[in-house]
C-alpha atoms as a PDB file:
ATOM      1  CA  MET A   1     -22.961   6.760   9.723  1.00  0.00           C
ATOM      2  CA  GLU A   2     -19.066   7.178   9.291  1.00  0.00           C
ATOM      3  CA  ASP A   3     -17.070   3.811   8.848  1.00  0.00           C
ATOM      4  CA  ALA A   4     -15.504   1.875  11.413  1.00  0.00           C
ATOM      5  CA  TRP A   5     -12.012   1.950  11.319  1.00  0.00           C
ATOM      6  CA  ILE A   6     -10.366  -1.179  10.657  1.00  0.00           C
ATOM      7  CA  PHE A   7      -6.574  -2.201  11.334  1.00  0.00           C
ATOM      8  CA  ASP A   8      -4.873  -3.000   7.757  1.00  0.00           C
ATOM      9  CA  ALA A   9      -1.761  -4.827   8.500  1.00  0.00           C
ATOM     10  CA  SER A  10      -1.302  -5.870   4.606  1.00  0.00           C
ATOM     11  CA  ALA A  11       1.621  -5.354   2.726  1.00  0.00           C
ATOM     12  CA  GLU A  12      -0.220  -2.945   0.046  1.00  0.00           C
ATOM     13  CA  SER A  13      -0.071  -0.024   2.672  1.00  0.00           C
ATOM     14  CA  LEU A  14       3.837   0.232   1.448  1.00  0.00           C
ATOM     15  CA  ASP A  15       2.849  -0.399  -2.689  1.00  0.00           C
ATOM     16  CA  PHE A  16       3.311   3.320  -3.263  1.00  0.00           C
ATOM     17  CA  PRO A  17       6.355   4.799  -5.770  1.00  0.00           C
ATOM     18  CA  GLY A  18       9.561   4.938  -3.986  1.00  0.00           C
ATOM     19  CA  ALA A  19       8.990   2.991  -1.258  1.00  0.00           C
ATOM     20  CA  VAL A  20      11.440   0.400  -0.068  1.00  0.00           C
ATOM     21  CA  ASP A  21       9.227  -2.311   1.336  1.00  0.00           C
ATOM     22  CA  MET A  22      11.966  -4.166   4.173  1.00  0.00           C
ATOM     23  CA  VAL A  23       8.638  -5.554   5.794  1.00  0.00           C
ATOM     24  CA  TYR A  24       6.181  -7.819   3.896  1.00  0.00           C
ATOM     25  CA  PRO A  25       8.013  -8.897   0.985  1.00  0.00           C
ATOM     26  CA  ILE A  26       7.943 -12.532   1.897  1.00  0.00           C
ATOM     27  CA  VAL A  27       9.734 -13.196  -1.982  1.00  0.00           C
ATOM     28  CA  GLN A  28       9.183 -10.129  -3.659  1.00  0.00           C
ATOM     29  CA  ASP A  29      11.625  -9.828  -6.206  1.00  0.00           C
ATOM     30  CA  ARG A  30      10.496 -13.220  -7.863  1.00  0.00           C
ATOM     31  CA  GLU A  31       7.647 -14.171  -9.871  1.00  0.00           C
ATOM     32  CA  PRO A  32       5.958 -17.480  -8.693  1.00  0.00           C
ATOM     33  CA  PRO A  33       6.932 -20.019 -10.685  1.00  0.00           C
ATOM     34  CA  GLU A  34       4.782 -20.725 -13.881  1.00  0.00           C
ATOM     35  CA  GLY A  35       3.069 -23.943 -12.497  1.00  0.00           C
ATOM     36  CA  VAL A  36       1.880 -22.135  -9.708  1.00  0.00           C
ATOM     37  CA  ARG A  37       0.504 -18.845 -12.142  1.00  0.00           C
ATOM     38  CA  ARG A  38      -1.076 -21.585 -14.395  1.00  0.00           C
ATOM     39  CA  ALA A  39      -2.910 -23.266 -11.909  1.00  0.00           C
ATOM     40  CA  LEU A  40      -4.330 -20.060 -10.594  1.00  0.00           C
ATOM     41  CA  VAL A  41      -5.184 -19.089 -14.178  1.00  0.00           C
ATOM     42  CA  ASP A  42      -6.755 -22.523 -14.684  1.00  0.00           C
ATOM     43  CA  ALA A  43      -9.172 -21.738 -11.425  1.00  0.00           C
ATOM     44  CA  VAL A  44     -10.830 -19.069 -13.192  1.00  0.00           C
ATOM     45  CA  GLY A  45     -13.373 -21.498 -14.711  1.00  0.00           C
ATOM     46  CA  LYS A  46     -13.969 -22.766 -11.705  1.00  0.00           C
ATOM     47  CA  VAL A  47     -15.402 -19.364  -9.988  1.00  0.00           C
ATOM     48  CA  ALA A  48     -19.082 -20.329 -10.751  1.00  0.00           C
ATOM     49  CA  ARG A  49     -18.720 -23.644  -8.513  1.00  0.00           C
ATOM     50  CA  TYR A  50     -18.009 -23.526  -4.753  1.00  0.00           C
ATOM     51  CA  PRO A  51     -14.759 -24.865  -3.794  1.00  0.00           C
ATOM     52  CA  HIS A  52     -14.624 -28.441  -3.126  1.00  0.00           C
ATOM     53  CA  LEU A  53     -10.769 -30.045  -3.189  1.00  0.00           C
ATOM     54  CA  GLU A  54     -10.141 -29.869  -0.014  1.00  0.00           C
ATOM     55  CA  ARG A  55      -9.813 -33.500   0.007  1.00  0.00           C
ATOM     56  CA  GLU A  56      -7.042 -33.245  -2.749  1.00  0.00           C
ATOM     57  CA  VAL A  57      -5.165 -30.407  -1.052  1.00  0.00           C
ATOM     58  CA  SER A  58      -4.872 -32.512   2.257  1.00  0.00           C
ATOM     59  CA  VAL A  59      -3.810 -35.233   0.127  1.00  0.00           C
ATOM     60  CA  ALA A  60      -1.085 -33.177  -1.310  1.00  0.00           C
ATOM     61  CA  ILE A  61      -0.026 -31.129   2.058  1.00  0.00           C
ATOM     62  CA  GLY A  62       0.504 -35.015   3.762  1.00  0.00           C
ATOM     63  CA  GLY A  63       2.682 -35.760   1.140  1.00  0.00           C
ATOM     64  CA  TYR A  64       4.600 -33.052   1.385  1.00  0.00           C
ATOM     65  CA  LEU A  65       4.708 -33.350   4.917  1.00  0.00           C
ATOM     66  CA  GLY A  66       5.471 -36.776   5.582  1.00  0.00           C
ATOM     67  CA  ILE A  67       1.865 -37.490   7.227  1.00  0.00           C
ATOM     68  CA  PRO A  68      -1.733 -39.025   6.706  1.00  0.00           C
ATOM     69  CA  ALA A  69      -4.033 -36.598   5.131  1.00  0.00           C
ATOM     70  CA  ASN A  70      -6.385 -37.038   7.968  1.00  0.00           C
ATOM     71  CA  ARG A  71      -3.823 -35.119   9.991  1.00  0.00           C
ATOM     72  CA  VAL A  72      -4.516 -32.326   7.728  1.00  0.00           C
ATOM     73  CA  LEU A  73      -7.374 -29.297   8.174  1.00  0.00           C
ATOM     74  CA  SER A  74      -7.135 -26.292   5.556  1.00  0.00           C
ATOM     75  CA  ALA A  75      -7.986 -23.176   7.006  1.00  0.00           C
ATOM     76  CA  ALA A  76      -8.030 -19.363   5.361  1.00  0.00           C
ATOM     77  CA  GLY A  77      -4.087 -18.608   5.574  1.00  0.00           C
ATOM     78  CA  GLY A  78      -1.874 -19.159   8.791  1.00  0.00           C
ATOM     79  CA  ASN A  79      -3.792 -16.416  10.431  1.00  0.00           C
ATOM     80  CA  GLY A  80      -6.953 -18.356   9.702  1.00  0.00           C
ATOM     81  CA  ALA A  81      -4.922 -21.626  11.454  1.00  0.00           C
ATOM     82  CA  LEU A  82      -4.450 -19.737  14.530  1.00  0.00           C
ATOM     83  CA  ASP A  83      -7.896 -18.362  14.866  1.00  0.00           C
ATOM     84  CA  LEU A  84     -10.016 -21.638  14.370  1.00  0.00           C
ATOM     85  CA  ILE A  85      -7.304 -23.224  16.919  1.00  0.00           C
ATOM     86  CA  SER A  86      -8.264 -20.321  19.361  1.00  0.00           C
ATOM     87  CA  ARG A  87     -11.962 -20.687  18.908  1.00  0.00           C
ATOM     88  CA  ALA A  88     -11.519 -24.520  19.654  1.00  0.00           C
ATOM     89  CA  PHE A  89      -9.213 -24.988  22.433  1.00  0.00           C
ATOM     90  CA  LEU A  90      -8.316 -21.423  23.941  1.00  0.00           C
ATOM     91  CA  ALA A  91     -11.255 -19.598  24.228  1.00  0.00           C
ATOM     92  CA  GLY A  92     -11.710 -18.021  27.754  1.00  0.00           C
ATOM     93  CA  ARG A  93      -8.799 -19.428  28.711  1.00  0.00           C
ATOM     94  CA  LYS A  94      -5.382 -18.804  30.398  1.00  0.00           C
ATOM     95  CA  VAL A  95      -2.795 -18.989  27.609  1.00  0.00           C
ATOM     96  CA  VAL A  96       1.232 -18.673  27.510  1.00  0.00           C
ATOM     97  CA  VAL A  97       2.454 -16.709  24.514  1.00  0.00           C
ATOM     98  CA  PRO A  98       6.499 -16.309  25.150  1.00  0.00           C
ATOM     99  CA  LEU A  99       7.457 -13.173  23.700  1.00  0.00           C
ATOM    100  CA  PRO A 100       8.401 -11.532  21.665  1.00  0.00           C
ATOM    101  CA  ALA A 101       5.960 -12.888  18.919  1.00  0.00           C
ATOM    102  CA  PHE A 102       4.381 -12.216  15.878  1.00  0.00           C
ATOM    103  CA  TRP A 103       0.932 -10.028  16.908  1.00  0.00           C
ATOM    104  CA  GLN A 104      -1.497 -12.601  15.605  1.00  0.00           C
ATOM    105  CA  ILE A 105       0.287 -15.325  18.010  1.00  0.00           C
ATOM    106  CA  ALA A 106      -1.348 -13.208  20.883  1.00  0.00           C
ATOM    107  CA  ASP A 107      -4.262 -11.568  19.581  1.00  0.00           C
ATOM    108  CA  ALA A 108      -5.767 -14.595  17.751  1.00  0.00           C
ATOM    109  CA  PRO A 109      -6.760 -16.018  21.533  1.00  0.00           C
ATOM    110  CA  ARG A 110      -7.191 -13.266  22.914  1.00  0.00           C
ATOM    111  CA  ARG A 111      -9.887 -12.314  20.257  1.00  0.00           C
ATOM    112  CA  HIS A 112     -11.629 -15.209  21.802  1.00  0.00           C
ATOM    113  CA  GLY A 113     -11.258 -14.153  25.445  1.00  0.00           C
ATOM    114  CA  ALA A 114      -8.342 -15.575  26.552  1.00  0.00           C
ATOM    115  CA  ARG A 115      -6.155 -14.177  29.300  1.00  0.00           C
ATOM    116  CA  LEU A 116      -2.336 -14.207  28.356  1.00  0.00           C
ATOM    117  CA  SER A 117       0.575 -14.751  30.597  1.00  0.00           C
ATOM    118  CA  THR A 118       3.835 -13.631  28.332  1.00  0.00           C
ATOM    119  CA  PRO A 119       7.015 -14.741  29.756  1.00  0.00           C
ATOM    120  CA  SER A 120      10.246 -13.661  27.710  1.00  0.00           C
ATOM    121  CA  LEU A 121      12.126 -15.733  24.749  1.00  0.00           C
ATOM    122  CA  LEU A 122      14.971 -13.789  25.730  1.00  0.00           C
ATOM    123  CA  GLY A 123      18.057 -14.331  27.948  1.00  0.00           C
ATOM    124  CA  GLU A 124      20.384 -16.866  28.741  1.00  0.00           C
ATOM    125  CA  ASP A 125      17.739 -19.559  29.360  1.00  0.00           C
ATOM    126  CA  PRO A 126      14.108 -19.003  29.080  1.00  0.00           C
ATOM    127  CA  VAL A 127      12.946 -22.110  29.280  1.00  0.00           C
ATOM    128  CA  PRO A 128      12.202 -22.876  33.313  1.00  0.00           C
ATOM    129  CA  ALA A 129      10.264 -19.576  33.294  1.00  0.00           C
ATOM    130  CA  ILE A 130       8.390 -20.908  30.410  1.00  0.00           C
ATOM    131  CA  LEU A 131       7.551 -24.081  31.633  1.00  0.00           C
ATOM    132  CA  ALA A 132       6.503 -22.569  35.495  1.00  0.00           C
ATOM    133  CA  ALA A 133       4.376 -20.262  33.090  1.00  0.00           C
ATOM    134  CA  PHE A 134       2.686 -23.304  31.472  1.00  0.00           C
ATOM    135  CA  ASP A 135       2.064 -25.303  34.712  1.00  0.00           C
ATOM    136  CA  ASP A 136       0.018 -22.643  35.692  1.00  0.00           C
ATOM    137  CA  ALA A 137      -1.893 -22.513  32.485  1.00  0.00           C
ATOM    138  CA  ASP A 138      -4.365 -24.388  30.329  1.00  0.00           C
ATOM    139  CA  ALA A 139      -2.459 -24.122  26.791  1.00  0.00           C
ATOM    140  CA  ILE A 140       0.539 -22.527  25.028  1.00  0.00           C
ATOM    141  CA  MET A 141       1.167 -20.927  21.906  1.00  0.00           C
ATOM    142  CA  LEU A 142       4.313 -20.520  20.373  1.00  0.00           C
ATOM    143  CA  CYS A 143       6.118 -19.549  17.120  1.00  0.00           C
ATOM    144  CA  SER A 144       8.796 -21.737  15.396  1.00  0.00           C
ATOM    145  CA  PRO A 145      11.242 -20.527  14.078  1.00  0.00           C
ATOM    146  CA  ASN A 146      10.230 -17.358  15.924  1.00  0.00           C
ATOM    147  CA  ASN A 147       9.151 -14.190  14.002  1.00  0.00           C
ATOM    148  CA  PRO A 148      11.206 -11.693  14.930  1.00  0.00           C
ATOM    149  CA  LEU A 149      14.132 -13.458  16.704  1.00  0.00           C
ATOM    150  CA  GLY A 150      14.215 -15.713  13.226  1.00  0.00           C
ATOM    151  CA  CYS A 151      15.621 -18.435  15.207  1.00  0.00           C
ATOM    152  CA  ASP A 152      14.567 -21.694  16.254  1.00  0.00           C
ATOM    153  CA  LEU A 153      12.605 -22.432  19.767  1.00  0.00           C
ATOM    154  CA  PRO A 154      15.166 -23.049  22.673  1.00  0.00           C
ATOM    155  CA  ALA A 155      16.322 -26.955  22.842  1.00  0.00           C
ATOM    156  CA  GLY A 156      14.550 -29.372  24.716  1.00  0.00           C
ATOM    157  CA  LEU A 157      11.283 -26.872  25.111  1.00  0.00           C
ATOM    158  CA  VAL A 158       8.753 -28.271  23.131  1.00  0.00           C
ATOM    159  CA  PRO A 159       9.792 -32.171  24.416  1.00  0.00           C
ATOM    160  CA  ALA A 160       9.383 -30.780  28.129  1.00  0.00           C
ATOM    161  CA  LEU A 161       6.371 -29.026  27.180  1.00  0.00           C
ATOM    162  CA  LEU A 162       4.402 -32.268  25.840  1.00  0.00           C
ATOM    163  CA  GLU A 163       5.682 -34.152  28.657  1.00  0.00           C
ATOM    164  CA  ARG A 164       3.715 -32.073  31.311  1.00  0.00           C
ATOM    165  CA  SER A 165       0.709 -31.203  28.393  1.00  0.00           C
ATOM    166  CA  ALA A 166      -2.062 -33.856  29.912  1.00  0.00           C
ATOM    167  CA  GLY A 167      -4.421 -32.509  27.799  1.00  0.00           C
ATOM    168  CA  ARG A 168      -3.351 -28.734  27.382  1.00  0.00           C
ATOM    169  CA  PRO A 169      -2.513 -27.854  23.954  1.00  0.00           C
ATOM    170  CA  VAL A 170       0.713 -27.231  22.909  1.00  0.00           C
ATOM    171  CA  VAL A 171       0.038 -24.840  19.986  1.00  0.00           C
ATOM    172  CA  ILE A 172       2.864 -23.888  17.858  1.00  0.00           C
ATOM    173  CA  ASP A 173       2.834 -21.389  14.811  1.00  0.00           C
ATOM    174  CA  GLU A 174       5.021 -22.995  11.651  1.00  0.00           C
ATOM    175  CA  SER A 175       4.516 -19.805   9.158  1.00  0.00           C
ATOM    176  CA  TYR A 176       8.932 -20.298   8.449  1.00  0.00           C
ATOM    177  CA  ALA A 177       8.829 -23.580   9.141  1.00  0.00           C
ATOM    178  CA  ASP A 178       9.363 -24.686   5.439  1.00  0.00           C
ATOM    179  CA  MET A 179      12.485 -22.344   4.781  1.00  0.00           C
ATOM    180  CA  THR A 180      14.406 -24.656   7.466  1.00  0.00           C
ATOM    181  CA  GLY A 181      12.943 -27.837   6.070  1.00  0.00           C
ATOM    182  CA  GLU A 182      12.445 -28.811  10.040  1.00  0.00           C
ATOM    183  CA  SER A 183       8.562 -29.472  11.883  1.00  0.00           C
ATOM    184  CA  HIS A 184       7.097 -31.195  14.256  1.00  0.00           C
ATOM    185  CA  ALA A 185       4.620 -32.469  11.863  1.00  0.00           C
ATOM    186  CA  SER A 186       5.934 -36.006  12.448  1.00  0.00           C
ATOM    187  CA  THR A 187       4.960 -35.595  16.092  1.00  0.00           C
ATOM    188  CA  LEU A 188       2.208 -38.048  16.699  1.00  0.00           C
ATOM    189  CA  HIS A 189       1.370 -36.183  20.500  1.00  0.00           C
ATOM    190  CA  PRO A 190      -2.259 -35.758  20.925  1.00  0.00           C
ATOM    191  CA  ASP A 191      -1.657 -32.467  22.530  1.00  0.00           C
ATOM    192  CA  LEU A 192       0.775 -31.041  19.404  1.00  0.00           C
ATOM    193  CA  VAL A 193      -0.932 -28.662  17.668  1.00  0.00           C
ATOM    194  CA  LEU A 194       0.406 -26.772  14.782  1.00  0.00           C
ATOM    195  CA  ALA A 195      -0.427 -23.624  12.418  1.00  0.00           C
ATOM    196  CA  ARG A 196       0.823 -23.381   8.932  1.00  0.00           C
ATOM    197  CA  GLY A 197       0.680 -21.585   6.035  1.00  0.00           C
ATOM    198  CA  PHE A 198       2.000 -20.912   2.575  1.00  0.00           C
ATOM    199  CA  LYS A 199       3.780 -17.651   3.498  1.00  0.00           C
ATOM    200  CA  VAL A 200       6.806 -18.317   1.952  1.00  0.00           C
ATOM    201  CA  TRP A 201       5.480 -20.104  -1.337  1.00  0.00           C
ATOM    202  CA  THR A 202       5.413 -17.178  -3.249  1.00  0.00           C
ATOM    203  CA  ILE A 203       1.859 -16.903  -2.869  1.00  0.00           C
ATOM    204  CA  PRO A 204       0.948 -15.296   0.452  1.00  0.00           C
ATOM    205  CA  GLY A 205      -2.221 -13.567  -1.205  1.00  0.00           C
ATOM    206  CA  ALA A 206      -3.862 -16.614  -1.763  1.00  0.00           C
ATOM    207  CA  ARG A 207      -4.475 -17.117   1.892  1.00  0.00           C
ATOM    208  CA  VAL A 208      -3.620 -20.683   2.183  1.00  0.00           C
ATOM    209  CA  GLY A 209      -3.460 -22.128   5.469  1.00  0.00           C
ATOM    210  CA  TYR A 210      -3.742 -25.675   7.574  1.00  0.00           C
ATOM    211  CA  ILE A 211      -3.807 -27.001  10.466  1.00  0.00           C
ATOM    212  CA  VAL A 212      -1.755 -30.346  11.612  1.00  0.00           C
ATOM    213  CA  ALA A 213      -2.792 -32.604  14.693  1.00  0.00           C
ATOM    214  CA  ALA A 214      -4.506 -35.549  15.821  1.00  0.00           C
ATOM    215  CA  PRO A 215      -8.030 -36.299  14.030  1.00  0.00           C
ATOM    216  CA  GLU A 216      -9.601 -35.558  17.477  1.00  0.00           C
ATOM    217  CA  ARG A 217      -8.254 -32.204  17.487  1.00  0.00           C
ATOM    218  CA  LEU A 218      -8.868 -31.814  13.831  1.00  0.00           C
ATOM    219  CA  ARG A 219     -12.607 -32.176  14.159  1.00  0.00           C
ATOM    220  CA  ALA A 220     -12.784 -29.646  16.784  1.00  0.00           C
ATOM    221  CA  CYS A 221     -11.240 -27.342  14.808  1.00  0.00           C
ATOM    222  CA  ALA A 222     -13.498 -27.831  11.787  1.00  0.00           C
ATOM    223  CA  ALA A 223     -16.580 -27.660  13.895  1.00  0.00           C
ATOM    224  CA  MET A 224     -15.780 -23.898  14.642  1.00  0.00           C
ATOM    225  CA  ARG A 225     -15.369 -23.335  10.675  1.00  0.00           C
ATOM    226  CA  PRO A 226     -17.523 -21.942   8.234  1.00  0.00           C
ATOM    227  CA  PRO A 227     -18.438 -23.425   5.430  1.00  0.00           C
ATOM    228  CA  PHE A 228     -16.652 -23.211   2.222  1.00  0.00           C
ATOM    229  CA  GLU A 229     -13.763 -21.098   3.804  1.00  0.00           C
ATOM    230  CA  SER A 230     -10.852 -21.682   1.511  1.00  0.00           C
ATOM    231  CA  GLY A 231     -11.938 -20.327  -1.893  1.00  0.00           C
ATOM    232  CA  VAL A 232     -11.153 -22.258  -5.589  1.00  0.00           C
ATOM    233  CA  PHE A 233      -7.962 -19.635  -5.944  1.00  0.00           C
ATOM    234  CA  ALA A 234      -6.582 -20.840  -2.179  1.00  0.00           C
ATOM    235  CA  GLU A 235      -6.948 -24.892  -3.613  1.00  0.00           C
ATOM    236  CA  ALA A 236      -5.419 -23.988  -6.521  1.00  0.00           C
ATOM    237  CA  ALA A 237      -2.241 -22.224  -5.238  1.00  0.00           C
ATOM    238  CA  ALA A 238      -1.925 -24.833  -2.835  1.00  0.00           C
ATOM    239  CA  LEU A 239      -1.893 -27.727  -5.473  1.00  0.00           C
ATOM    240  CA  GLY A 240       0.112 -25.551  -8.239  1.00  0.00           C
ATOM    241  CA  ALA A 241       2.743 -24.632  -5.511  1.00  0.00           C
ATOM    242  CA  ILE A 242       3.171 -28.040  -3.953  1.00  0.00           C
ATOM    243  CA  GLU A 243       2.916 -29.231  -7.708  1.00  0.00           C
ATOM    244  CA  ALA A 244       6.326 -27.155  -8.383  1.00  0.00           C
ATOM    245  CA  ILE A 245       7.976 -27.665  -4.998  1.00  0.00           C
ATOM    246  CA  ASP A 246      11.840 -28.102  -6.657  1.00  0.00           C
ATOM    247  CA  ASP A 247      10.794 -24.271  -8.199  1.00  0.00           C
ATOM    248  CA  VAL A 248       9.723 -23.196  -5.146  1.00  0.00           C
ATOM    249  CA  ARG A 249      12.678 -25.064  -3.440  1.00  0.00           C
ATOM    250  CA  ARG A 250      15.235 -22.887  -5.662  1.00  0.00           C
ATOM    251  CA  ILE A 251      13.375 -19.815  -4.752  1.00  0.00           C
ATOM    252  CA  TRP A 252      14.049 -20.467  -0.929  1.00  0.00           C
ATOM    253  CA  ASP A 253      17.739 -20.882  -2.222  1.00  0.00           C
ATOM    254  CA  GLU A 254      17.826 -17.686  -3.547  1.00  0.00           C
ATOM    255  CA  VAL A 255      15.995 -15.615  -0.767  1.00  0.00           C
ATOM    256  CA  ARG A 256      18.510 -17.686   1.962  1.00  0.00           C
ATOM    257  CA  ALA A 257      21.478 -16.333  -0.314  1.00  0.00           C
ATOM    258  CA  ASP A 258      19.858 -12.641  -0.327  1.00  0.00           C
ATOM    259  CA  LEU A 259      19.556 -13.079   3.380  1.00  0.00           C
ATOM    260  CA  ARG A 260      22.957 -13.800   3.972  1.00  0.00           C
ATOM    261  CA  TYR A 261      23.860 -10.995   2.353  1.00  0.00           C
ATOM    262  CA  LEU A 262      21.730  -8.898   4.023  1.00  0.00           C
ATOM    263  CA  GLU A 263      22.992 -10.260   7.469  1.00  0.00           C
ATOM    264  CA  ARG A 264      26.951  -9.759   5.623  1.00  0.00           C
ATOM    265  CA  ARG A 265      25.920  -5.989   5.028  1.00  0.00           C
ATOM    266  CA  LEU A 266      24.331  -4.980   8.217  1.00  0.00           C
ATOM    267  CA  ALA A 267      26.756  -6.523  10.578  1.00  0.00           C
ATOM    268  CA  GLU A 268      29.644  -4.352   8.444  1.00  0.00           C
ATOM    269  CA  ILE A 269      26.984  -1.429   9.640  1.00  0.00           C
ATOM    270  CA  GLY A 270      27.748  -2.157  13.338  1.00  0.00           C
ATOM    271  CA  GLY A 271      25.553  -3.527  16.519  1.00  0.00           C
ATOM    272  CA  THR A 272      25.090  -7.381  16.268  1.00  0.00           C
ATOM    273  CA  VAL A 273      23.260  -9.260  13.779  1.00  0.00           C
ATOM    274  CA  THR A 274      21.427 -12.724  14.954  1.00  0.00           C
ATOM    275  CA  PRO A 275      21.805 -15.569  12.378  1.00  0.00           C
ATOM    276  CA  SER A 276      18.014 -16.359  10.601  1.00  0.00           C
ATOM    277  CA  ARG A 277      16.670 -19.751   9.991  1.00  0.00           C
ATOM    278  CA  THR A 278      13.746 -17.410   7.964  1.00  0.00           C
ATOM    279  CA  LEU A 279      13.867 -14.853   5.252  1.00  0.00           C
ATOM    280  CA  PHE A 280      14.255 -11.750   7.626  1.00  0.00           C
ATOM    281  CA  ALA A 281      17.388 -10.715   9.584  1.00  0.00           C
ATOM    282  CA  ASN A 282      17.693  -9.466  13.307  1.00  0.00           C
ATOM    283  CA  TRP A 283      19.940  -5.981  13.668  1.00  0.00           C
ATOM    284  CA  ARG A 284      20.327  -5.201  17.290  1.00  0.00           C
ATOM    285  CA  HIS A 285      21.887  -1.427  17.792  1.00  0.00           C
ATOM    286  CA  PRO A 286      21.830   1.146  20.376  1.00  0.00           C
ATOM    287  CA  GLU A 287      20.182   3.899  18.059  1.00  0.00           C
ATOM    288  CA  ALA A 288      17.196   1.358  16.215  1.00  0.00           C
ATOM    289  CA  VAL A 289      14.640   3.406  17.333  1.00  0.00           C
ATOM    290  CA  ARG A 290      16.137   6.471  15.386  1.00  0.00           C
ATOM    291  CA  VAL A 291      16.892   4.347  12.655  1.00  0.00           C
ATOM    292  CA  TRP A 292      13.753   3.391  12.341  1.00  0.00           C
ATOM    293  CA  SER A 293      12.268   6.556  12.332  1.00  0.00           C
ATOM    294  CA  GLU A 294      14.960   8.032   9.977  1.00  0.00           C
ATOM    295  CA  LEU A 295      14.453   5.193   7.347  1.00  0.00           C
ATOM    296  CA  LYS A 296      11.219   5.667   7.142  1.00  0.00           C
ATOM    297  CA  LYS A 297      11.237   9.562   6.361  1.00  0.00           C
ATOM    298  CA  ARG A 298      13.541   7.738   3.055  1.00  0.00           C
ATOM    299  CA  LYS A 299      10.399   5.456   2.385  1.00  0.00           C
ATOM    300  CA  ILE A 300      12.347   2.762   3.891  1.00  0.00           C
ATOM    301  CA  PHE A 301      10.048   0.323   5.876  1.00  0.00           C
ATOM    302  CA  CYS A 302      11.105  -2.046   8.068  1.00  0.00           C
ATOM    303  CA  LEU A 303       9.978  -3.473  11.813  1.00  0.00           C
ATOM    304  CA  SER A 304      10.848  -1.918  14.869  1.00  0.00           C
ATOM    305  CA  ALA A 305       9.248  -2.081  18.448  1.00  0.00           C
ATOM    306  CA  GLU A 306       7.212   1.266  17.683  1.00  0.00           C
ATOM    307  CA  SER A 307       5.457  -0.613  14.439  1.00  0.00           C
ATOM    308  CA  GLY A 308       2.994  -2.497  16.613  1.00  0.00           C
ATOM    309  CA  VAL A 309       3.594  -5.849  14.238  1.00  0.00           C
ATOM    310  CA  VAL A 310       5.498  -7.864  16.544  1.00  0.00           C
ATOM    311  CA  TYR A 311       4.568  -7.960  20.717  1.00  0.00           C
ATOM    312  CA  GLY A 312       7.908  -7.705  23.285  1.00  0.00           C
ATOM    313  CA  MET A 313      10.356  -6.686  20.458  1.00  0.00           C
ATOM    314  CA  PRO A 314      13.121  -4.820  22.246  1.00  0.00           C
ATOM    315  CA  ASP A 315      13.618  -1.542  21.651  1.00  0.00           C
ATOM    316  CA  ASP A 316      16.923  -1.747  20.103  1.00  0.00           C
ATOM    317  CA  MET A 317      16.058  -4.550  17.573  1.00  0.00           C
ATOM    318  CA  LEU A 318      15.191  -4.125  14.122  1.00  0.00           C
ATOM    319  CA  ARG A 319      13.638  -6.324  11.737  1.00  0.00           C
ATOM    320  CA  PHE A 320      14.718  -6.714   7.548  1.00  0.00           C
ATOM    321  CA  THR A 321      13.134  -8.932   5.130  1.00  0.00           C
ATOM    322  CA  ALA A 322      15.969  -9.798   2.427  1.00  0.00           C
ATOM    323  CA  ARG A 323      15.652  -8.285  -0.290  1.00  0.00           C
ATOM    324  CA  ARG A 324      17.956  -8.427  -3.807  1.00  0.00           C
ATOM    325  CA  PRO A 325      21.676  -7.058  -3.169  1.00  0.00           C
ATOM    326  CA  ASP A 326      21.077  -3.738  -4.500  1.00  0.00           C
ATOM    327  CA  VAL A 327      18.351  -3.035  -2.463  1.00  0.00           C
ATOM    328  CA  VAL A 328      19.859  -4.084   0.598  1.00  0.00           C
ATOM    329  CA  ASP A 329      22.969  -1.977  -0.626  1.00  0.00           C
ATOM    330  CA  HIS A 330      20.641   0.897  -1.032  1.00  0.00           C
ATOM    331  CA  VAL A 331      19.471   0.610   2.552  1.00  0.00           C
ATOM    332  CA  ALA A 332      22.635  -0.258   4.092  1.00  0.00           C
ATOM    333  CA  GLU A 333      24.437   2.535   2.797  1.00  0.00           C
ATOM    334  CA  GLU A 334      21.111   4.864   3.972  1.00  0.00           C
ATOM    335  CA  ILE A 335      21.453   3.281   7.693  1.00  0.00           C
ATOM    336  CA  LYS A 336      25.090   4.083   7.716  1.00  0.00           C
ATOM    337  CA  LYS A 337      23.918   8.101   6.387  1.00  0.00           C
ATOM    338  CA  ILE A 338      21.769   8.036   9.606  1.00  0.00           C
ATOM    339  CA  LEU A 339      24.559   7.032  12.018  1.00  0.00           C
END
């Protein structure tokens, strides 16, 4: 029997000689801090046991965010958190997903039978249309900062949603919020549900994620979760990364500097660069699709509307993840040749 084809969204698809990965690097040009590596090595001795440090992980995450541990529930990565939330609250419901959005923001609820309404986040004032869509729906799923835009949600949108939620979930994916140092985690509203992960902590492969919500909401998510979902290496990676937070923050500072350099080089080429709050740059140019296609021939990979990883991405937009300056210089020069 022929094996079923399964969509592979992993970074490994770009791991071949000569490839320049401007899609998935996260912090590819830097190694995880020594404390994280040591924690993972130490965890080798625990593989003969079931994972049992969930309480310690929740306490550590709560301490990092400044919230009680009973408002934290671990999951298998940020995508695992989105899936648990979708199963618990969104199955068979009508869900608003403003676009553009990372594909799992839409696919997680849709996997469980949700019907989507997709107003645009683009334009001068998208808030009225999003609120109107929410008034006619059972829930809303957002990302802050947005992927691929790299910017925060419109000012006042989340408070306005919570003012009218009336028991309907307001779900926010905060995968990149660690880079901004700003989160909705301290908001105690019973309808707010956050999906978070360790995407930018140098350990995306450990699949460490978690949900932040009121305890009663977490109980509903926990009821949908398979037992022992987070393995011993995920637990070790989370605890090691939080323990090494000072080293991780230094890496974030370096990545921000790389991002600013990337934005400057793209701006020199032409088009429009929207300042980003994450680790990727958003570049808009009339020839974006052609540039994306020609870069692929040169083994340089970024995200475009053609990639399928982001829904609702405008045709004139490309997303480049920050890399070290020499890599950025190479990419910028190739774009100039194409144009």
